Amino acid sequence: MKCVWLKLSWLVILVVQSCWGDSYSKHTTGRRVCSPKAATQDPVKVTVPTFQKFTKKCYENQICKGVRLTYETKYECCPGWVQNSKLSHGCNQPVCSRHCENGGKCVAPETCTCSPGFTGPFCEADWTTKFATEARDLEIEFINPNRKNFKKKHRTRNDSVGGDSEGANVPVDNQSSHVIKRLENKIEEMRKSHKEEFASLESKISQLFSKIEILQQRLQNCAACDYADRENRHPNFLDKLRKINSKDVDFY
């Protein structure tokens, strides 16, 4: 009878737990732990029903086991944050809906830090693409408004002979100078960016040349040492080396 009662108790636990599901995560208080309904960073307590096992003395000093319904304090991560692991305190790992491309790293919800030379919300574009897009936008901004603002009127029979001043093209000088200034700023920004990249590459290339020169010097020293050693061990080494094409020579 006791076994049947215990089995029924565990069945009730499983059914209740499956009904509650994983609506809440059991966390300790920490950073970015919030109420399920509030997106604040202050930890808010939420009571969730749970079952605990217990033992007690029952009829004729026997040990009886059972389960009781209790309420635990649980917390939930703020939107955009998750736990690093089940054992970590707080929710310190940000979540980005897209993978940060080109070596970028997710540092805040929907925010990536990009590697040098890349930009965009998810590091999907490089600087060259960015500048090309901005230049194209400036080109559209420069050409289309001017075309709209050029006024050209055709003379009619009722126009006077001297009244053709309105038929001249009227450019918008202020807008043109503003767009040209923006283009100059973008070109200067590109020049600085490429200058820094070229300076870094020149430094690396000079270091490689220095290492190559050191290796060449070491090879020359090794060749000289090897030649001197062979001369000491074999006085007729050069004569034998000249005859190597005509016949096999034993150097040792």
Protein backbone atom coordinates (compact mmCIF):
# COMPACT_ATOMS: atom_id res chain seq x y z
CA MET A 1 0.00 0.00 0.00
CA LYS A 2 2.85 2.36 0.83
CA CYS A 3 4.52 1.67 -2.51
CA VAL A 4 1.31 2.46 -4.36
CA TRP A 5 0.93 5.73 -2.43
CA LEU A 6 4.51 6.77 -3.23
CA LYS A 7 4.08 6.01 -6.94
CA LEU A 8 0.89 8.07 -7.05
CA SER A 9 2.68 10.97 -5.30
CA TRP A 10 5.51 11.00 -7.83
CA LEU A 11 2.99 10.83 -10.68
CA VAL A 12 1.24 13.92 -9.31
CA ILE A 13 4.61 15.74 -9.12
CA LEU A 14 5.44 14.97 -12.74
CA VAL A 15 2.00 16.07 -13.95
CA VAL A 16 2.13 19.38 -12.05
CA GLN A 17 5.67 20.15 -13.17
CA SER A 18 4.78 19.45 -16.80
CA CYS A 19 1.81 21.79 -16.49
CA TRP A 20 3.92 24.63 -15.08
CA GLY A 21 6.59 24.11 -17.75
CA ASP A 22 9.69 26.31 -17.89
CA SER A 23 7.96 29.66 -17.45
CA TYR A 24 10.56 30.72 -14.92
CA SER A 25 14.23 30.00 -14.55
CA LYS A 26 15.61 29.42 -11.10
CA HIS A 27 18.36 32.01 -10.66
CA THR A 28 20.00 33.67 -7.74
CA THR A 29 19.78 37.44 -7.56
CA GLY A 30 22.33 39.23 -9.68
CA ARG A 31 22.84 41.65 -12.51
CA ARG A 32 20.18 41.90 -15.22
CA VAL A 33 17.75 39.62 -13.39
CA CYS A 34 14.23 40.93 -13.79
CA SER A 35 10.61 40.25 -13.30
CA PRO A 36 8.98 38.46 -16.27
CA LYS A 37 6.73 41.50 -16.83
CA ALA A 38 9.24 44.31 -16.16
CA ALA A 39 12.34 45.10 -18.20
CA THR A 40 14.24 46.65 -15.29
CA GLN A 41 17.62 45.53 -14.01
CA ASP A 42 16.45 45.35 -10.40
CA PRO A 43 15.89 41.78 -9.20
CA VAL A 44 12.21 41.16 -8.52
CA LYS A 45 11.07 38.17 -6.50
CA VAL A 46 8.57 35.81 -8.06
CA THR A 47 7.01 32.98 -6.09
CA VAL A 48 6.47 29.76 -7.99
CA PRO A 49 4.85 26.60 -6.59
CA THR A 50 7.09 23.57 -6.30
CA PHE A 51 7.09 20.19 -4.59
CA GLN A 52 9.58 19.07 -1.93
CA LYS A 53 10.20 15.59 -0.60
CA PHE A 54 10.10 15.03 3.16
CA THR A 55 10.36 12.19 5.70
CA LYS A 56 8.68 11.91 9.11
CA LYS A 57 7.78 9.41 11.76
CA CYS A 58 4.41 7.86 11.37
CA TYR A 59 2.46 4.93 12.81
CA GLU A 60 4.48 2.73 15.23
CA ASN A 61 7.69 4.80 14.80
CA GLN A 62 8.00 3.96 11.14
CA ILE A 63 9.62 6.36 8.67
CA CYS A 64 7.18 7.64 6.10
CA LYS A 65 8.09 9.60 2.96
CA GLY A 66 5.96 12.13 1.16
CA VAL A 67 5.87 15.37 -0.81
CA ARG A 68 4.54 18.79 0.11
CA LEU A 69 3.65 21.86 -1.94
CA THR A 70 5.87 24.87 -1.20
CA TYR A 71 6.66 28.20 -2.86
CA GLU A 72 10.15 29.15 -3.98
CA THR A 73 11.58 32.52 -4.94
CA LYS A 74 12.71 32.55 -8.55
CA TYR A 75 13.93 35.15 -11.01
CA GLU A 76 13.99 35.62 -14.76
CA CYS A 77 16.60 37.23 -17.04
CA CYS A 78 15.94 40.62 -18.58
CA PRO A 79 15.04 40.65 -22.29
CA GLY A 80 18.23 40.36 -24.31
CA TRP A 81 20.28 38.64 -21.57
CA VAL A 82 20.86 35.00 -20.61
CA GLN A 83 22.98 33.07 -18.15
CA ASN A 84 26.52 32.04 -19.08
CA SER A 85 25.80 28.70 -17.43
CA LYS A 86 23.27 27.19 -15.06
CA LEU A 87 25.65 27.81 -12.15
CA SER A 88 26.43 31.47 -12.91
CA HIS A 89 24.94 34.26 -10.80
CA GLY A 90 22.94 36.79 -12.76
CA CYS A 91 22.39 37.08 -16.48
CA ASN A 92 25.60 38.48 -17.93
CA GLN A 93 25.60 37.10 -21.48
CA PRO A 94 23.99 39.36 -24.11
CA VAL A 95 21.88 37.99 -26.94
CA CYS A 96 22.09 39.14 -30.57
CA SER A 97 19.39 37.97 -32.97
CA ARG A 98 22.00 37.71 -35.75
CA HIS A 99 25.51 36.33 -35.60
CA CYS A 100 28.20 39.03 -35.43
CA GLU A 101 30.05 38.62 -38.73
CA ASN A 102 33.71 39.10 -39.68
CA GLY A 103 35.08 38.38 -36.22
CA GLY A 104 32.69 40.68 -34.35
CA LYS A 105 31.56 40.04 -30.78
CA CYS A 106 28.13 40.47 -29.17
CA VAL A 107 28.67 42.83 -26.20
CA ALA A 108 25.10 44.02 -25.54
CA PRO A 109 21.60 43.08 -26.73
CA GLU A 110 21.56 43.51 -30.52
CA THR A 111 24.96 45.26 -30.37
CA CYS A 112 28.22 43.98 -31.88
CA THR A 113 31.75 45.32 -31.57
CA CYS A 114 33.47 44.93 -34.93
CA SER A 115 37.01 44.02 -35.89
CA PRO A 116 39.15 46.76 -37.47
CA GLY A 117 37.98 47.53 -41.00
CA PHE A 118 34.35 46.46 -40.53
CA THR A 119 31.20 48.32 -39.53
CA GLY A 120 27.43 47.97 -39.37
CA PRO A 121 25.03 46.74 -36.65
CA PHE A 122 26.30 43.18 -37.09
CA CYS A 123 29.72 43.94 -38.69
CA GLU A 124 28.34 42.91 -42.06
CA ALA A 125 30.04 45.69 -44.08
CA ASP A 126 33.64 46.80 -44.44
CA TRP A 127 34.80 50.42 -44.51
CA THR A 128 35.17 50.42 -48.30
CA THR A 129 31.53 49.40 -48.76
CA LYS A 130 30.43 51.99 -46.22
CA PHE A 131 32.24 54.85 -47.94
CA ALA A 132 31.00 53.74 -51.36
CA THR A 133 27.40 53.73 -50.10
CA GLU A 134 27.75 57.16 -48.53
CA ALA A 135 29.33 58.54 -51.69
CA ARG A 136 26.45 57.13 -53.76
CA ASP A 137 23.92 58.70 -51.39
CA LEU A 138 25.69 62.03 -51.67
CA GLU A 139 25.72 61.73 -55.44
CA ILE A 140 21.97 61.17 -55.49
CA GLU A 141 21.45 64.03 -53.08
CA PHE A 142 23.65 66.28 -55.22
CA ILE A 143 22.21 65.47 -58.64
CA ASN A 144 18.49 64.96 -58.13
CA PRO A 145 17.66 68.11 -56.11
CA ASN A 146 19.61 70.24 -58.57
CA ARG A 147 17.69 68.75 -61.46
CA LYS A 148 14.46 69.51 -59.69
CA ASN A 149 15.52 73.05 -58.85
CA PHE A 150 16.70 73.94 -62.33
CA LYS A 151 13.91 75.97 -63.80
CA LYS A 152 13.64 76.23 -67.53
CA LYS A 153 10.85 78.12 -69.17
CA HIS A 154 10.16 78.20 -72.90
CA ARG A 155 9.33 81.49 -74.49
CA THR A 156 5.86 81.92 -75.92
CA ARG A 157 4.43 84.36 -78.38
CA ASN A 158 3.23 86.61 -75.57
CA ASP A 159 6.71 86.89 -73.98
CA SER A 160 8.49 90.14 -74.49
CA VAL A 161 11.84 90.25 -76.23
CA GLY A 162 13.73 91.27 -73.10
CA GLY A 163 11.85 88.99 -70.74
CA ASP A 164 13.99 85.85 -71.14
CA SER A 165 15.73 86.18 -67.78
CA GLU A 166 13.33 83.66 -66.26
CA GLY A 167 14.28 81.11 -68.88
CA ALA A 168 17.86 80.80 -67.60
CA ASN A 169 18.92 77.84 -65.52
CA VAL A 170 19.07 78.63 -61.78
CA PRO A 171 21.44 76.31 -59.86
CA VAL A 172 21.32 75.98 -56.09
CA ASP A 173 24.85 77.07 -55.09
CA ASN A 174 24.45 76.72 -51.35
CA GLN A 175 23.30 73.13 -51.56
CA SER A 176 26.07 72.24 -54.00
CA SER A 177 28.76 73.67 -51.74
CA HIS A 178 27.33 71.78 -48.76
CA VAL A 179 27.40 68.46 -50.62
CA ILE A 180 30.93 69.12 -51.89
CA LYS A 181 32.07 69.82 -48.33
CA ARG A 182 30.59 66.53 -47.16
CA LEU A 183 32.33 64.69 -49.97
CA GLU A 184 35.64 66.27 -49.03
CA ASN A 185 35.18 65.19 -45.42
CA LYS A 186 34.43 61.61 -46.48
CA ILE A 187 37.50 61.52 -48.73
CA GLU A 188 39.69 62.81 -45.89
CA GLU A 189 38.23 60.18 -43.55
CA MET A 190 38.99 57.43 -46.07
CA ARG A 191 42.52 58.76 -46.52
CA LYS A 192 43.20 58.66 -42.77
CA SER A 193 41.79 55.14 -42.47
CA HIS A 194 43.90 53.80 -45.34
CA LYS A 195 46.96 55.68 -44.06
CA GLU A 196 46.73 53.88 -40.70
CA GLU A 197 46.33 50.52 -42.44
CA PHE A 198 49.31 51.17 -44.74
CA ALA A 199 51.46 52.29 -41.80
CA SER A 200 50.70 49.05 -39.98
CA LEU A 201 51.50 47.00 -43.10
CA GLU A 202 54.77 48.87 -43.68
CA SER A 203 55.85 48.18 -40.10
CA LYS A 204 55.13 44.46 -40.49
CA ILE A 205 56.95 44.32 -43.84
CA SER A 206 60.03 46.03 -42.41
CA GLN A 207 60.08 43.55 -39.53
CA LEU A 208 59.91 40.67 -42.01
CA PHE A 209 62.80 42.12 -44.03
CA SER A 210 64.88 42.42 -40.86
CA LYS A 211 64.22 38.78 -39.97
CA ILE A 212 65.10 37.68 -43.50
CA GLU A 213 68.41 39.55 -43.35
CA ILE A 214 69.24 37.91 -40.02
CA LEU A 215 68.45 34.47 -41.46
CA GLN A 216 70.61 35.14 -44.54
CA GLN A 217 73.51 36.19 -42.33
CA ARG A 218 73.15 33.03 -40.26
CA LEU A 219 73.06 30.88 -43.39
CA GLN A 220 76.23 32.52 -44.69
CA ASN A 221 77.95 31.95 -41.36
CA CYS A 222 76.86 28.31 -41.32
CA ALA A 223 78.07 27.81 -44.90
CA ALA A 224 81.45 29.37 -44.07
CA CYS A 225 81.82 27.22 -40.96
CA ASP A 226 80.89 24.09 -42.88
CA TYR A 227 83.37 24.93 -45.68
CA ALA A 228 86.18 25.56 -43.17
CA ASP A 229 85.39 22.33 -41.36
CA ARG A 230 85.50 20.32 -44.58
CA GLU A 231 88.79 21.96 -45.60
CA ASN A 232 90.30 21.03 -42.27
CA ARG A 233 89.16 17.43 -42.53
CA HIS A 234 89.75 17.06 -46.29
CA PRO A 235 92.52 19.23 -47.75
CA ASN A 236 91.65 18.21 -51.33
CA PHE A 237 87.95 18.95 -50.91
CA LEU A 238 87.74 21.44 -53.80
CA ASP A 239 89.51 19.10 -56.23
CA LYS A 240 87.14 16.30 -55.35
CA LEU A 241 84.18 18.66 -55.69
CA ARG A 242 85.23 19.57 -59.25
CA LYS A 243 85.43 15.89 -60.22
CA ILE A 244 81.98 15.05 -58.87
CA ASN A 245 80.38 15.36 -62.31
CA SER A 246 82.78 12.85 -63.89
CA LYS A 247 82.77 10.12 -61.25
CA ASP A 248 81.63 9.31 -57.74
CA VAL A 249 83.93 10.57 -55.04
CA ASP A 250 84.06 9.43 -51.46
CA PHE A 251 84.51 12.52 -49.31
CA TYR A 252 84.96 10.67 -46.07
